[in-house]
Structures are given as structure tokens and as C-alpha cells.
Amino acid sequence: MADVNAHIGGGNTGDGIPQPYHLVNPSPWPLLSSFAAGLLATGLVMQFHGHGWYLLAAGLLAVLGCMFGWWRDIVKESVVEKAHSPVVKIGLRYGMSLFIASEVMFFAAFFWAFFDASIFYDEAIQYARVEANGGVWPPKGTIPFNPFDLPFLMTVILLLSGTTVTWAHHAMVEGKMQEAARALGITVLLGLVFSGFQVYEYSHAAFGFGANVYSSAFYMATGFHGFHVAIGTIFLAVCYFRTKKGHFTAESHFGFEAAAWYWHFVDVVWLFLFISIYWWGAGGAWIAH
């Protein structure tokens, strides 16, 4: 058993017996990240009150620095120290799965708020809501986007990026790292194009964030999705450079798999956003405009 454990990697027990689990070396990053996140949150709250941008900027830089340092150490554990044994990789997969599940619950709250307001827009007991939206949906005066204009193009772009990241995955499994890097590069480019179109869409919106419940739900849901697209694009860009540097093999590439899972999650959420908010939620009001 000791020979098997020594072969697949891992740490040692107190008596020196090899075992497959990764015993993490003492690290400053959890504590530093906590302080950085606290600084970022404090700066954000102060900025909401009209001041404190310097704390917000310092907190953001601190968080980015901690992310870089912590993830650099994790890459070193995997590539240099070979500490990510098959048992450890199972734990990483569970961790990423649970993280994505928590993100699903995060977006479920936005969809819940949107459907509650859009389905029960004229409910008698919700007199304040009826008064605010004029008893119609979308609320009176709201000019939503044509879902089959720019939003449809953005949907095609994001779905296409889902196919290219799958292409990269299959190439990596087959050991074709140059092809995988090429597919990853295209995926990153598509993610950037999507984000650019979303910025353009926001700049041409006919309603502001605080106009009514439709606009608030629209910007919260699509805005946080856009944030996730940006994070996913960075995630895949890091995987692109790691692929070029030879960090991944056909047998060991969970760092990329985690990014691919996250990207597919982003794709699926956008499909729900497009169907429910852009198409169904607009109630055909865009046709008259």
C-alpha cells in the first residue's frame, strides 16, 4: 500500500508513511485574502455613500494580488511538486461542483425576483407594485430590447464559444496541445467580443437601473452574468497560457476542466436569461418600437 501511495503522490503521515492526500504547506494567502476582501467590501460600501474610491481601488488590487499569489502556488503544487494525486483531484472536482451549485443558487434568486414581479404584476394585494408599474408588464414606459437583434447575436457568440471550449477539451484529451491552445484562444476572443457587445448594449439602453422593477432585475441578472463572463474569460486565458507552457497533459488537466465547467455554466445561465428576460419577459413590447 505504501508503494502505491508513493507512486501516485501525496504527503506523509506523522510516522513517515506515504499517503495519497495533499497536506498543504503553511500559507499566508487565506489570512491575507480575508483582509483584502474586507478592505474591498469596506471601500465598496464607502463608495456607495459617495466617497472611499481609494479604499475600493486598494481593496481590488489587494484581492487581485492575493488571487495571483494563491493560484500561482496551486499551479506550483500541481506542476512542480506533483502533489495533486488522483485522490486530491477527486476533492478538487467536488469543490468545483459545489462552487458551481452555489452559483446556480445565486442566479436563482434573480430569476425568482424577476418571475415574481412579471407573473404577478397586477395582483390586487400588491397595490404598491400595481401602482408603480401601471398594472402592465413590462412596466408602463419601458422600452425593452428586441431579443432577436443584438441579444440574439450575443447568444450565438456565447454558444459558439461553448463549442470551441469543447473542441479544446477533446484536443487536450487526445494530447494535441497546440490545437487545444488554438481553440482556447478562439474561446477567449469570443468571450471578449461578447463582453464588448454587452457594454455597447448597456450604453444604448432606453431605461436606467432604477427606472422600475423590470430594469432593476434586467441589470442585476445580466450584469452579474457579464461579470461571470469576464471571470470565465480570465480563467480560460490563464488556461491558454498554461497550455502553451506545457502545464497540462492528456491525463492531467483539471485546471482546464474546471474552467470549461464554469464556461458551460455561464452558457446555460445566458440561455435562461435570453429566454426569460429578453424574450418572454419583454412581453412583445419591443415589437411596437
Protein backbone atom coordinates (compact mmCIF):
# COMPACT_ATOMS: atom_id res chain seq x y z
CA MET A 1 0.00 0.00 0.00
CA ALA A 2 2.85 2.35 0.83
CA ASP A 3 4.39 1.70 -2.61
CA VAL A 4 1.08 2.56 -4.32
CA ASN A 5 0.69 5.76 -2.32
CA ALA A 6 4.26 6.76 -3.04
CA HIS A 7 3.65 6.17 -6.74
CA ILE A 8 0.53 8.34 -7.01
CA GLY A 9 1.98 11.15 -4.92
CA GLY A 10 0.84 12.83 -1.73
CA GLY A 11 2.17 13.75 1.65
CA ASN A 12 3.40 11.78 4.61
CA THR A 13 1.79 10.85 7.86
CA GLY A 14 3.46 11.73 11.13
CA ASP A 15 5.39 8.45 11.11
CA GLY A 16 6.68 8.99 7.57
CA ILE A 17 4.31 6.62 5.78
CA PRO A 18 3.36 7.94 2.30
CA GLN A 19 -0.36 8.59 1.74
CA PRO A 20 -2.37 9.97 -1.23
CA TYR A 21 -3.72 13.12 0.41
CA HIS A 22 -2.16 16.53 -0.10
CA LEU A 23 -1.08 18.12 3.16
CA VAL A 24 -0.95 21.82 2.25
CA ASN A 25 2.14 23.70 3.33
CA PRO A 26 1.62 26.70 5.65
CA SER A 27 0.37 29.57 3.50
CA PRO A 28 -0.24 33.28 4.18
CA TRP A 29 -2.84 33.60 1.42
CA PRO A 30 -6.04 32.65 3.33
CA LEU A 31 -5.38 35.30 6.01
CA LEU A 32 -4.20 37.94 3.53
CA SER A 33 -7.17 37.26 1.27
CA SER A 34 -9.55 37.78 4.19
CA PHE A 35 -8.06 41.19 4.93
CA ALA A 36 -8.09 42.08 1.22
CA ALA A 37 -11.76 41.08 0.87
CA GLY A 38 -12.63 43.11 3.98
CA LEU A 39 -10.83 46.14 2.55
CA LEU A 40 -12.65 45.71 -0.77
CA ALA A 41 -16.05 45.45 0.93
CA THR A 42 -15.35 48.50 3.11
CA GLY A 43 -14.29 50.53 0.09
CA LEU A 44 -17.39 49.43 -1.83
CA VAL A 45 -19.74 50.48 0.99
CA MET A 46 -17.98 53.83 1.33
CA GLN A 47 -18.16 54.36 -2.41
CA PHE A 48 -21.92 53.79 -2.25
CA HIS A 49 -22.01 56.80 0.07
CA GLY A 50 -20.06 59.00 -2.32
CA HIS A 51 -16.50 58.60 -1.07
CA GLY A 52 -13.87 55.94 -0.46
CA TRP A 53 -12.81 55.18 -4.02
CA TYR A 54 -9.20 54.90 -2.86
CA LEU A 55 -10.14 52.11 -0.43
CA LEU A 56 -12.12 50.40 -3.17
CA ALA A 57 -9.15 50.57 -5.54
CA ALA A 58 -6.73 49.38 -2.85
CA GLY A 59 -9.05 46.51 -1.93
CA LEU A 60 -9.43 45.45 -5.56
CA LEU A 61 -5.67 45.50 -6.11
CA ALA A 62 -5.14 43.55 -2.87
CA VAL A 63 -7.68 40.90 -3.87
CA LEU A 64 -6.13 40.54 -7.34
CA GLY A 65 -2.68 40.25 -5.78
CA CYS A 66 -3.83 37.54 -3.36
CA MET A 67 -5.57 35.68 -6.18
CA PHE A 68 -2.39 35.74 -8.27
CA GLY A 69 -0.16 34.59 -5.40
CA TRP A 70 -2.50 31.87 -4.15
CA TRP A 71 -3.24 30.41 -7.58
CA ARG A 72 0.45 30.58 -8.52
CA ASP A 73 1.19 28.37 -5.51
CA ILE A 74 -1.58 25.93 -6.51
CA VAL A 75 -0.14 25.67 -10.03
CA LYS A 76 3.29 25.01 -8.49
CA GLU A 77 1.80 22.26 -6.30
CA SER A 78 0.35 20.59 -9.37
CA VAL A 79 3.09 21.08 -11.98
CA VAL A 80 6.31 21.17 -9.94
CA GLU A 81 5.57 19.30 -6.71
CA LYS A 82 3.18 16.77 -8.34
CA ALA A 83 1.09 16.97 -5.16
CA HIS A 84 -2.27 16.61 -6.89
CA SER A 85 -2.75 12.87 -6.69
CA PRO A 86 -5.86 11.13 -8.09
CA VAL A 87 -7.46 11.31 -4.64
CA VAL A 88 -6.74 15.04 -4.40
CA LYS A 89 -8.20 15.59 -7.88
CA ILE A 90 -11.45 13.98 -6.77
CA GLY A 91 -11.65 16.54 -3.97
CA LEU A 92 -10.95 19.35 -6.45
CA ARG A 93 -13.77 18.11 -8.65
CA TYR A 94 -16.18 18.02 -5.71
CA GLY A 95 -15.09 21.52 -4.72
CA MET A 96 -15.65 22.95 -8.21
CA SER A 97 -19.01 21.18 -8.50
CA LEU A 98 -20.20 22.64 -5.20
CA PHE A 99 -18.96 26.09 -6.19
CA ILE A 100 -20.97 25.98 -9.43
CA ALA A 101 -24.00 24.73 -7.48
CA SER A 102 -23.70 27.78 -5.20
CA GLU A 103 -23.57 29.99 -8.29
CA VAL A 104 -26.78 28.36 -9.56
CA MET A 105 -28.49 29.36 -6.30
CA PHE A 106 -27.09 32.88 -6.71
CA PHE A 107 -28.79 33.31 -10.09
CA ALA A 108 -31.92 31.52 -8.89
CA ALA A 109 -32.56 34.50 -6.58
CA PHE A 110 -32.53 36.91 -9.52
CA PHE A 111 -34.83 34.72 -11.60
CA TRP A 112 -37.17 34.35 -8.62
CA ALA A 113 -37.40 38.13 -8.22
CA PHE A 114 -37.98 38.63 -11.93
CA PHE A 115 -40.70 35.98 -12.29
CA ASP A 116 -42.47 37.10 -9.13
CA ALA A 117 -42.69 40.65 -10.46
CA SER A 118 -43.55 39.69 -14.04
CA ILE A 119 -46.15 36.97 -13.35
CA PHE A 120 -47.95 38.76 -10.52
CA TYR A 121 -47.65 42.26 -11.97
CA ASP A 122 -51.38 43.02 -11.46
CA GLU A 123 -52.03 41.13 -8.22
CA ALA A 124 -54.59 43.08 -6.18
CA ILE A 125 -52.83 42.71 -2.84
CA GLN A 126 -49.62 44.09 -4.37
CA TYR A 127 -51.15 47.56 -4.71
CA ALA A 128 -47.81 49.37 -4.48
CA ARG A 129 -46.42 47.21 -7.28
CA VAL A 130 -49.51 47.74 -9.47
CA GLU A 131 -49.30 51.47 -8.89
CA ALA A 132 -45.60 51.54 -9.73
CA ASN A 133 -45.79 49.53 -12.96
CA GLY A 134 -49.18 50.81 -14.14
CA GLY A 135 -50.79 47.38 -13.92
CA VAL A 136 -48.98 46.12 -17.02
CA TRP A 137 -45.83 44.20 -17.84
CA PRO A 138 -43.29 45.37 -18.79
CA PRO A 139 -43.98 48.41 -16.60
CA LYS A 140 -45.53 51.40 -18.32
CA GLY A 141 -42.98 53.43 -20.27
CA THR A 142 -40.42 50.63 -20.54
CA ILE A 143 -38.93 50.03 -23.99
CA PRO A 144 -37.16 46.65 -23.81
CA PHE A 145 -34.55 45.39 -26.24
CA ASN A 146 -35.57 43.47 -29.34
CA PRO A 147 -34.48 39.95 -28.33
CA PHE A 148 -33.79 38.98 -31.94
CA ASP A 149 -31.46 41.87 -32.56
CA LEU A 150 -28.21 42.25 -30.59
CA PRO A 151 -29.23 39.83 -27.76
CA PHE A 152 -29.67 37.03 -30.30
CA LEU A 153 -26.23 37.74 -31.79
CA MET A 154 -24.74 37.65 -28.30
CA THR A 155 -26.45 34.29 -27.72
CA VAL A 156 -24.93 32.87 -30.91
CA ILE A 157 -21.48 34.14 -29.89
CA LEU A 158 -21.69 32.57 -26.43
CA LEU A 159 -22.99 29.25 -27.75
CA LEU A 160 -20.20 29.22 -30.33
CA SER A 161 -17.69 29.76 -27.52
CA GLY A 162 -19.18 26.70 -25.81
CA THR A 163 -18.36 24.61 -28.88
CA THR A 164 -14.79 25.94 -29.10
CA VAL A 165 -14.07 25.19 -25.44
CA THR A 166 -15.39 21.65 -26.03
CA TRP A 167 -13.10 21.43 -29.05
CA ALA A 168 -10.20 22.44 -26.81
CA HIS A 169 -11.16 19.77 -24.27
CA HIS A 170 -11.27 16.99 -26.86
CA ALA A 171 -7.93 18.13 -28.32
CA MET A 172 -6.37 18.12 -24.85
CA VAL A 173 -7.65 14.64 -24.06
CA GLU A 174 -6.04 13.44 -27.31
CA GLY A 175 -2.75 15.14 -26.41
CA LYS A 176 -2.99 17.75 -29.18
CA MET A 177 -1.87 20.70 -27.08
CA GLN A 178 -1.25 23.13 -29.93
CA GLU A 179 -4.76 22.55 -31.23
CA ALA A 180 -6.14 22.89 -27.71
CA ALA A 181 -4.34 26.22 -27.30
CA ARG A 182 -5.73 27.43 -30.62
CA ALA A 183 -9.29 26.52 -29.60
CA LEU A 184 -8.79 28.17 -26.20
CA GLY A 185 -7.54 31.34 -27.87
CA ILE A 186 -10.68 31.48 -30.03
CA THR A 187 -12.85 30.93 -26.94
CA VAL A 188 -11.16 33.81 -25.10
CA LEU A 189 -11.63 36.04 -28.15
CA LEU A 190 -15.34 35.17 -28.33
CA GLY A 191 -15.70 35.95 -24.62
CA LEU A 192 -14.14 39.38 -25.16
CA VAL A 193 -16.44 40.05 -28.13
CA PHE A 194 -19.47 39.11 -26.04
CA SER A 195 -18.40 41.48 -23.26
CA GLY A 196 -17.86 44.26 -25.78
CA PHE A 197 -21.37 43.81 -27.18
CA GLN A 198 -22.83 43.86 -23.68
CA VAL A 199 -21.13 47.17 -22.92
CA TYR A 200 -22.50 48.52 -26.21
CA GLU A 201 -25.98 47.24 -25.33
CA TYR A 202 -25.94 48.93 -21.92
CA SER A 203 -24.81 52.21 -23.45
CA HIS A 204 -27.83 52.17 -25.79
CA ALA A 205 -30.47 51.00 -23.28
CA ALA A 206 -33.69 53.03 -23.16
CA PHE A 207 -34.01 52.57 -19.39
CA GLY A 208 -31.80 53.03 -16.36
CA PHE A 209 -31.11 50.75 -13.41
CA GLY A 210 -33.59 52.47 -11.08
CA ALA A 211 -36.38 53.07 -13.59
CA ASN A 212 -38.62 50.21 -12.39
CA VAL A 213 -38.59 46.58 -11.27
CA TYR A 214 -38.01 45.32 -14.83
CA SER A 215 -34.94 47.46 -15.34
CA SER A 216 -33.52 46.60 -11.90
CA ALA A 217 -33.96 42.86 -12.47
CA PHE A 218 -32.57 43.20 -16.01
CA TYR A 219 -29.37 44.94 -14.97
CA MET A 220 -28.82 42.79 -11.87
CA ALA A 221 -29.22 39.49 -13.73
CA THR A 222 -27.46 40.37 -16.98
CA GLY A 223 -24.86 42.49 -15.20
CA PHE A 224 -23.80 39.72 -12.84
CA HIS A 225 -23.80 37.32 -15.77
CA GLY A 226 -21.50 39.73 -17.60
CA PHE A 227 -19.24 39.73 -14.54
CA HIS A 228 -19.15 35.94 -14.66
CA VAL A 229 -18.29 36.05 -18.37
CA ALA A 230 -15.35 38.34 -17.54
CA ILE A 231 -14.15 35.98 -14.79
CA GLY A 232 -14.57 32.97 -17.10
CA THR A 233 -12.65 34.72 -19.87
CA ILE A 234 -9.75 35.39 -17.49
CA PHE A 235 -9.95 31.78 -16.27
CA LEU A 236 -9.70 30.48 -19.85
CA ALA A 237 -6.96 32.97 -20.74
CA VAL A 238 -4.85 31.63 -17.85
CA CYS A 239 -5.50 28.10 -19.13
CA TYR A 240 -4.40 29.22 -22.61
CA PHE A 241 -1.02 30.39 -21.32
CA ARG A 242 -0.68 27.29 -19.13
CA THR A 243 -1.35 25.11 -22.17
CA LYS A 244 1.32 26.97 -24.15
CA LYS A 245 3.77 26.44 -21.26
CA GLY A 246 3.10 22.70 -21.16
CA HIS A 247 1.38 22.57 -17.76
CA PHE A 248 -1.35 20.22 -18.98
CA THR A 249 -1.13 16.66 -20.23
CA ALA A 250 -3.71 14.34 -21.75
CA GLU A 251 -4.00 12.59 -18.38
CA SER A 252 -3.83 15.60 -16.05
CA HIS A 253 -5.58 18.87 -16.91
CA PHE A 254 -8.18 19.53 -14.24
CA GLY A 255 -7.31 23.25 -14.16
CA PHE A 256 -8.66 23.47 -17.68
CA GLU A 257 -11.62 21.19 -16.93
CA ALA A 258 -12.69 23.47 -14.09
CA ALA A 259 -12.59 26.46 -16.46
CA ALA A 260 -14.60 24.53 -19.07
CA TRP A 261 -17.24 23.56 -16.49
CA TYR A 262 -17.52 27.19 -15.41
CA TRP A 263 -17.84 28.37 -19.01
CA HIS A 264 -20.60 25.88 -19.80
CA PHE A 265 -22.42 27.08 -16.67
CA VAL A 266 -22.16 30.65 -17.99
CA ASP A 267 -23.60 29.48 -21.32
CA VAL A 268 -26.60 27.80 -19.72
CA VAL A 269 -27.38 30.78 -17.50
CA TRP A 270 -27.35 33.06 -20.54
CA LEU A 271 -29.85 30.82 -22.35
CA PHE A 272 -32.23 31.18 -19.38
CA LEU A 273 -31.63 34.95 -19.35
CA PHE A 274 -32.28 35.28 -23.06
CA ILE A 275 -35.49 33.24 -22.99
CA SER A 276 -36.96 34.59 -19.75
CA ILE A 277 -35.85 38.24 -19.60
CA TYR A 278 -35.12 39.30 -23.17
CA TRP A 279 -37.83 37.28 -24.94
CA TRP A 280 -40.66 36.18 -22.63
CA GLY A 281 -40.21 38.92 -20.06
CA ALA A 282 -40.36 41.68 -22.64
CA GLY A 283 -43.93 40.61 -23.38
CA GLY A 284 -43.69 41.63 -27.03
CA ALA A 285 -43.40 45.31 -26.03
CA TRP A 286 -40.31 45.63 -28.24
CA ILE A 287 -42.41 44.96 -31.38
CA ALA A 288 -44.07 48.37 -31.24
CA HIS A 289 -40.67 50.04 -31.20
